[in-house]
Amino acid sequence: MDIVLIASLPTQQEYLKLFKTAGWNKDYNLTSEELFKSIQNSSYCVSAYDEDKLVGFGRMLSDGVAHAVLFDVIVLPEFQGESIGREITEKLLEVCHSNKIRDIQLFCAIGKIGFYEKLGFKKRSDECPGMEIIMRY
């Protein structure tokens, strides 16, 4: 298996198929067009391919100076455990480091805290928790 990482967007259909494997769209209820627009509006994206098959993806939003947030690091279930998610995350972090981003945060899927801790992330303390509002339309 020769996985290639490229700094580009997958096609709308490729991404929809990959995103659905994460199970997140049952909460978000995004159309294919909305989902694709969300990745088009990212600051930086990494797509992982096995030949011509999209097997992984990750993206970030950043102000380019102080803050960045990583989102949607997804690897097809049958390709998990092959270091693809680690390579995608490391590439996103490399871009942050090259821009001297001071604060890098991420949205972490359930059960993945250990994965990100191995990459240097720390769980936020109770004194400094993150917060969110989820809107359902």
Protein backbone atom coordinates (compact mmCIF):
# COMPACT_ATOMS: atom_id res chain seq x y z
CA MET A 1 0.00 0.00 0.00
CA ASP A 2 1.47 3.32 -1.11
CA ILE A 3 -0.54 6.18 0.40
CA VAL A 4 0.01 9.62 -1.12
CA LEU A 5 -0.86 12.82 0.77
CA ILE A 6 -1.75 15.85 -1.29
CA ALA A 7 -2.72 19.36 -0.24
CA SER A 8 -5.92 19.54 -2.23
CA LEU A 9 -9.64 18.96 -2.00
CA PRO A 10 -11.18 15.65 -2.98
CA THR A 11 -14.21 15.68 -5.23
CA GLN A 12 -17.58 16.37 -3.68
CA GLN A 13 -18.67 12.74 -4.07
CA GLU A 14 -15.39 11.33 -2.73
CA TYR A 15 -15.64 13.46 0.37
CA LEU A 16 -19.31 12.68 1.00
CA LYS A 17 -18.55 8.96 0.87
CA LEU A 18 -15.61 9.32 3.29
CA PHE A 19 -17.49 11.67 5.65
CA LYS A 20 -20.41 9.25 5.92
CA THR A 21 -18.06 6.54 7.25
CA ALA A 22 -17.42 8.69 10.34
CA GLY A 23 -21.14 8.73 11.18
CA TRP A 24 -21.10 12.46 11.86
CA ASN A 25 -23.70 13.44 9.29
CA LYS A 26 -26.52 11.88 11.29
CA ASP A 27 -26.06 14.83 13.68
CA TYR A 28 -25.13 17.53 11.16
CA ASN A 29 -27.60 16.49 8.44
CA LEU A 30 -25.58 18.30 5.77
CA THR A 31 -26.34 18.01 2.07
CA SER A 32 -23.53 17.02 -0.26
CA GLU A 33 -23.28 20.65 -1.41
CA GLU A 34 -23.11 22.03 2.15
CA LEU A 35 -20.50 19.50 3.14
CA PHE A 36 -18.33 20.32 0.15
CA LYS A 37 -18.67 24.06 0.76
CA SER A 38 -17.44 23.49 4.33
CA ILE A 39 -14.17 21.98 3.13
CA GLN A 40 -13.78 24.58 0.37
CA ASN A 41 -13.81 27.26 3.10
CA SER A 42 -10.94 25.62 4.98
CA SER A 43 -7.53 27.26 5.34
CA TYR A 44 -5.68 24.05 4.49
CA CYS A 45 -6.70 20.51 3.54
CA VAL A 46 -4.88 17.21 3.20
CA SER A 47 -6.28 14.32 1.17
CA ALA A 48 -4.83 10.81 1.40
CA TYR A 49 -5.12 8.50 -1.61
CA ASP A 50 -4.41 4.84 -2.19
CA GLU A 51 -3.96 4.98 -5.95
CA ASP A 52 -7.15 6.82 -7.02
CA LYS A 53 -9.21 6.03 -3.89
CA LEU A 54 -9.69 8.68 -1.19
CA VAL A 55 -8.84 6.89 2.06
CA GLY A 56 -8.29 9.83 4.42
CA PHE A 57 -8.74 13.54 4.85
CA GLY A 58 -8.07 16.33 7.35
CA ARG A 59 -8.49 20.08 7.37
CA MET A 60 -7.96 23.19 9.44
CA LEU A 61 -9.21 26.71 9.84
CA SER A 62 -6.71 29.34 10.85
CA ASP A 63 -6.18 33.07 11.12
CA GLY A 64 -2.64 32.40 9.89
CA VAL A 65 -1.00 33.98 12.92
CA ALA A 66 -2.23 32.96 16.36
CA HIS A 67 -4.96 30.30 16.10
CA ALA A 68 -5.75 27.14 14.18
CA VAL A 69 -8.38 24.45 14.69
CA LEU A 70 -8.14 20.99 13.15
CA PHE A 71 -11.32 19.33 11.93
CA ASP A 72 -12.53 16.24 10.17
CA VAL A 73 -9.49 13.97 10.37
CA ILE A 74 -11.13 10.91 8.84
CA VAL A 75 -9.67 7.62 7.64
CA LEU A 76 -11.73 4.88 6.01
CA PRO A 77 -12.32 2.15 8.59
CA GLU A 78 -10.50 -0.49 6.54
CA PHE A 79 -7.39 1.76 6.39
CA GLN A 80 -7.31 2.71 10.08
CA GLY A 81 -4.26 1.54 11.99
CA GLU A 82 -1.97 2.22 9.00
CA SER A 83 -0.67 5.60 10.34
CA ILE A 84 -2.68 7.57 7.77
CA GLY A 85 -4.47 9.67 10.40
CA ARG A 86 -1.14 10.37 12.10
CA GLU A 87 0.44 11.46 8.80
CA ILE A 88 -2.52 13.72 7.97
CA THR A 89 -2.43 15.33 11.41
CA GLU A 90 1.35 15.75 11.28
CA LYS A 91 1.03 17.50 7.91
CA LEU A 92 -1.58 19.89 9.33
CA LEU A 93 0.68 20.56 12.33
CA GLU A 94 3.66 21.12 10.02
CA VAL A 95 1.71 23.89 8.27
CA CYS A 96 0.86 25.42 11.65
CA HIS A 97 4.49 25.28 12.79
CA SER A 98 5.75 26.81 9.54
CA ASN A 99 3.39 29.75 10.16
CA LYS A 100 4.35 29.93 13.87
CA ILE A 101 0.73 29.39 14.95
CA ARG A 102 0.73 29.66 18.76
CA ASP A 103 -2.57 27.95 19.63
CA ILE A 104 -3.59 24.75 17.84
CA GLN A 105 -6.83 23.12 18.89
CA LEU A 106 -8.89 20.29 17.45
CA PHE A 107 -12.25 18.65 17.45
CA CYS A 108 -11.69 15.10 18.63
CA ALA A 109 -14.00 12.17 17.93
CA ILE A 110 -15.13 9.97 20.80
CA GLY A 111 -12.44 7.50 21.77
CA LYS A 112 -9.61 9.29 19.94
CA ILE A 113 -8.06 11.31 22.80
CA GLY A 114 -5.16 8.84 23.14
CA PHE A 115 -4.41 9.09 19.44
CA TYR A 116 -4.03 12.88 19.65
CA GLU A 117 -2.13 12.80 22.93
CA LYS A 118 0.57 10.75 21.17
CA LEU A 119 0.89 13.68 18.74
CA GLY A 120 1.41 16.21 21.52
CA PHE A 121 -2.13 17.42 22.18
CA LYS A 122 -3.33 17.81 25.76
CA LYS A 123 -6.89 17.64 26.99
CA ARG A 124 -8.10 21.08 28.04
CA SER A 125 -8.38 21.59 31.79
CA ASP A 126 -11.68 22.11 33.56
CA GLU A 127 -10.59 25.72 34.21
CA CYS A 128 -10.34 26.31 30.47
CA PRO A 129 -12.92 24.05 28.81
CA GLY A 130 -14.15 24.46 25.29
CA MET A 131 -17.80 25.18 24.68
CA GLU A 132 -20.19 24.82 21.77
CA ILE A 133 -23.69 25.43 20.51
CA ILE A 134 -25.02 22.89 18.05
CA MET A 135 -27.77 24.16 15.80
CA ARG A 136 -30.15 21.74 14.15
CA TYR A 137 -31.83 23.02 10.98
